[in-house]
Structure formats: structure tokens, C-alpha cells
């Protein structure tokens, strides 16, 4: 998938939020490909899920080493 991207967070976001985001982009006359833009948007927030609550898997990994 990519470096530091939580696969579970990405799959959950794809299943739940891709259809509304694509329809929103299509309704706003987005010039590019709305499906690719929606997946990039979800990939960005999946990468943030590793370092921010409530998932924060990176925080659990660091806490065990201290």
C-alpha cells in the first residue's frame, strides 16, 4: 500500500466514504477523475490515522519501547 499507511483504516474508509466523495466531486463538476481524487484523499487520511487518535498505531508502538 505505502509507507505508514494503515491498511485497515484505508479499507474502512474506501468502503464507507468513497461513494459519497465521488458523487460530491461529480456534482461539483470536478475537472479530473473523481474516483482517483477520492482515493488519493482517502490515502492521505489513512496515513494520518497511523499517528492520530483514535487509531494511533504508531503511538502504541513507541509506548511499548519506552
N, C-alpha and C. Protein backbone atom coordinates (compact mmCIF):
# COMPACT_ATOMS: atom_id res chain seq x y z
N UNK A 1 0.82 -1.20 0.00
CA UNK A 1 0.00 0.00 0.00
C UNK A 1 0.86 1.25 0.00
N UNK A 2 1.76 1.32 0.92
CA UNK A 2 2.58 2.51 1.03
C UNK A 2 3.20 2.55 2.40
N UNK A 3 4.12 3.46 2.58
CA UNK A 3 4.81 3.56 3.85
C UNK A 3 3.90 4.20 4.89
N UNK A 4 3.75 3.54 6.03
CA UNK A 4 2.97 4.04 7.17
C UNK A 4 1.48 4.19 6.89
N UNK A 5 0.95 3.46 5.96
CA UNK A 5 -0.49 3.54 5.70
C UNK A 5 -1.15 2.33 6.32
N UNK A 6 -2.06 2.58 7.21
CA UNK A 6 -2.80 1.51 7.85
C UNK A 6 -3.78 0.92 6.85
N UNK A 7 -3.59 -0.34 6.51
CA UNK A 7 -4.47 -0.98 5.53
C UNK A 7 -5.90 -1.06 6.03
N UNK A 8 -6.07 -1.32 7.32
CA UNK A 8 -7.42 -1.40 7.87
C UNK A 8 -8.13 -0.06 7.77
N UNK A 9 -7.44 1.01 8.10
CA UNK A 9 -8.05 2.33 8.02
C UNK A 9 -8.41 2.68 6.59
N UNK A 10 -7.54 2.33 5.64
CA UNK A 10 -7.80 2.62 4.24
C UNK A 10 -9.00 1.82 3.73
N UNK A 11 -9.06 0.54 4.06
CA UNK A 11 -10.17 -0.28 3.58
C UNK A 11 -11.51 0.16 4.17
N UNK A 12 -11.51 0.54 5.43
CA UNK A 12 -12.74 1.03 6.04
C UNK A 12 -13.18 2.34 5.38
N UNK A 13 -12.24 3.23 5.16
CA UNK A 13 -12.59 4.49 4.51
C UNK A 13 -13.06 4.29 3.08
N UNK A 14 -12.45 3.36 2.36
CA UNK A 14 -12.87 3.10 0.98
C UNK A 14 -14.29 2.55 0.96
N UNK A 15 -14.57 1.63 1.85
CA UNK A 15 -15.90 1.01 1.85
C UNK A 15 -17.00 1.99 2.24
N UNK A 16 -16.69 2.92 3.13
CA UNK A 16 -17.73 3.80 3.65
C UNK A 16 -17.78 5.14 2.94
N UNK A 17 -16.66 5.73 2.63
CA UNK A 17 -16.67 7.13 2.20
C UNK A 17 -16.36 7.40 0.72
N UNK A 18 -15.88 6.41 -0.02
CA UNK A 18 -15.59 6.67 -1.43
C UNK A 18 -16.85 7.02 -2.24
N UNK A 19 -17.94 6.26 -2.13
CA UNK A 19 -19.12 6.62 -2.94
C UNK A 19 -19.66 8.04 -2.70
N UNK A 20 -19.80 8.50 -1.44
CA UNK A 20 -20.26 9.89 -1.26
C UNK A 20 -19.27 10.93 -1.77
N UNK A 21 -17.97 10.68 -1.61
CA UNK A 21 -16.98 11.65 -2.08
C UNK A 21 -16.98 11.72 -3.61
N UNK A 22 -17.10 10.58 -4.26
CA UNK A 22 -17.15 10.56 -5.73
C UNK A 22 -18.39 11.29 -6.22
N UNK A 23 -19.54 11.03 -5.61
CA UNK A 23 -20.76 11.72 -6.05
C UNK A 23 -20.68 13.22 -5.77
N UNK A 24 -20.02 13.61 -4.70
CA UNK A 24 -19.84 15.03 -4.39
C UNK A 24 -18.93 15.69 -5.44
N UNK A 25 -17.86 15.01 -5.81
CA UNK A 25 -16.96 15.56 -6.83
C UNK A 25 -17.65 15.63 -8.20
N UNK A 26 -18.45 14.62 -8.52
CA UNK A 26 -19.17 14.66 -9.80
C UNK A 26 -20.21 15.77 -9.82
N UNK A 27 -20.87 16.02 -8.70
CA UNK A 27 -21.87 17.07 -8.63
C UNK A 27 -21.26 18.46 -8.72
N UNK A 28 -20.00 18.60 -8.30
CA UNK A 28 -19.34 19.91 -8.33
C UNK A 28 -18.59 20.16 -9.63
N UNK A 29 -18.81 19.31 -10.63
CA UNK A 29 -18.15 19.44 -11.94
C UNK A 29 -16.63 19.46 -11.82
N UNK A 30 -16.10 18.52 -11.05
CA UNK A 30 -14.65 18.37 -10.88
C UNK A 30 -14.03 18.04 -12.23
N UNK A 31 -12.93 18.73 -12.58
CA UNK A 31 -12.33 18.61 -13.90
C UNK A 31 -11.57 17.29 -14.10
N UNK A 32 -11.05 16.70 -13.03
CA UNK A 32 -10.26 15.49 -13.15
C UNK A 32 -11.10 14.23 -12.99
N UNK A 33 -10.43 13.13 -12.70
CA UNK A 33 -11.11 11.86 -12.48
C UNK A 33 -11.53 11.80 -11.01
N UNK A 34 -12.84 11.82 -10.73
CA UNK A 34 -13.28 11.86 -9.33
C UNK A 34 -12.93 10.61 -8.53
N UNK A 35 -12.85 9.45 -9.17
CA UNK A 35 -12.51 8.23 -8.45
C UNK A 35 -11.06 8.26 -7.97
N UNK A 36 -10.16 8.70 -8.82
CA UNK A 36 -8.74 8.79 -8.44
C UNK A 36 -8.56 9.84 -7.35
N UNK A 37 -9.23 10.98 -7.49
CA UNK A 37 -9.12 12.04 -6.49
C UNK A 37 -9.66 11.57 -5.14
N UNK A 38 -10.75 10.83 -5.15
CA UNK A 38 -11.33 10.33 -3.90
C UNK A 38 -10.39 9.34 -3.23
N UNK A 39 -9.76 8.46 -4.02
CA UNK A 39 -8.82 7.50 -3.43
C UNK A 39 -7.57 8.20 -2.88
N UNK A 40 -7.09 9.23 -3.54
CA UNK A 40 -5.95 9.97 -3.02
C UNK A 40 -6.30 10.68 -1.71
N UNK A 41 -7.50 11.22 -1.65
CA UNK A 41 -8.00 11.86 -0.43
C UNK A 41 -8.05 10.85 0.72
N UNK A 42 -8.55 9.65 0.46
CA UNK A 42 -8.64 8.61 1.49
C UNK A 42 -7.25 8.10 1.87
N UNK A 43 -6.33 8.02 0.91
CA UNK A 43 -4.97 7.56 1.21
C UNK A 43 -4.28 8.54 2.16
N UNK A 44 -4.51 9.83 1.93
CA UNK A 44 -3.92 10.86 2.80
C UNK A 44 -4.43 10.71 4.23
N UNK A 45 -5.73 10.56 4.39
CA UNK A 45 -6.27 10.45 5.74
C UNK A 45 -5.99 9.10 6.37
N UNK A 46 -5.78 8.08 5.58
CA UNK A 46 -5.36 6.79 6.15
C UNK A 46 -3.94 6.88 6.69
N UNK A 47 -3.09 7.65 6.02
CA UNK A 47 -1.72 7.84 6.51
C UNK A 47 -1.74 8.63 7.82
N UNK A 48 -2.65 9.57 7.95
CA UNK A 48 -2.76 10.32 9.20
C UNK A 48 -3.32 9.48 10.33
N UNK A 49 -4.08 8.44 10.00
CA UNK A 49 -4.68 7.59 11.04
C UNK A 49 -3.62 6.85 11.85
N UNK A 50 -2.43 6.70 11.29
CA UNK A 50 -1.37 5.99 12.00
C UNK A 50 -0.84 6.83 13.16
N UNK A 51 -0.87 8.14 13.03
CA UNK A 51 -0.27 9.00 14.06
C UNK A 51 -1.27 9.78 14.89
N UNK A 52 -2.55 9.73 14.54
CA UNK A 52 -3.55 10.50 15.28
C UNK A 52 -4.58 9.56 15.90
N UNK A 53 -5.19 9.95 17.02
CA UNK A 53 -6.25 9.14 17.62
C UNK A 53 -7.47 9.09 16.72
N UNK A 54 -8.32 8.13 16.80
CA UNK A 54 -8.39 7.03 17.76
C UNK A 54 -7.59 5.80 17.36
N UNK A 55 -7.03 5.73 16.15
CA UNK A 55 -6.28 4.54 15.75
C UNK A 55 -4.89 4.58 16.37
N UNK A 56 -4.09 5.56 16.01
CA UNK A 56 -2.78 5.85 16.59
C UNK A 56 -1.90 4.63 16.81
N UNK A 57 -1.73 3.82 15.79
CA UNK A 57 -0.90 2.62 15.92
C UNK A 57 0.56 2.97 16.19
N UNK A 58 1.03 4.06 15.63
CA UNK A 58 2.42 4.46 15.86
C UNK A 58 2.64 4.83 17.32
N UNK A 59 1.66 5.43 17.95
CA UNK A 59 1.79 5.80 19.36
C UNK A 59 1.89 4.55 20.25
N UNK A 60 1.13 3.51 19.91
CA UNK A 60 1.23 2.27 20.68
C UNK A 60 2.59 1.61 20.49
N UNK A 61 3.13 1.65 19.30
CA UNK A 61 4.44 1.05 19.04
C UNK A 61 5.54 1.77 19.81
N UNK A 62 5.50 3.07 19.86
CA UNK A 62 6.51 3.84 20.58
C UNK A 62 6.35 3.67 22.08
N UNK A 63 5.13 3.61 22.56
CA UNK A 63 4.88 3.47 24.00
C UNK A 63 5.44 2.15 24.54
N UNK A 64 5.43 1.10 23.74
CA UNK A 64 5.95 -0.17 24.19
C UNK A 64 7.46 -0.20 24.26
N UNK A 65 8.13 0.69 23.52
CA UNK A 65 9.58 0.72 23.53
C UNK A 65 10.14 1.57 24.67
N UNK A 66 9.33 2.43 25.23
CA UNK A 66 9.82 3.31 26.32
C UNK A 66 9.79 2.63 27.65
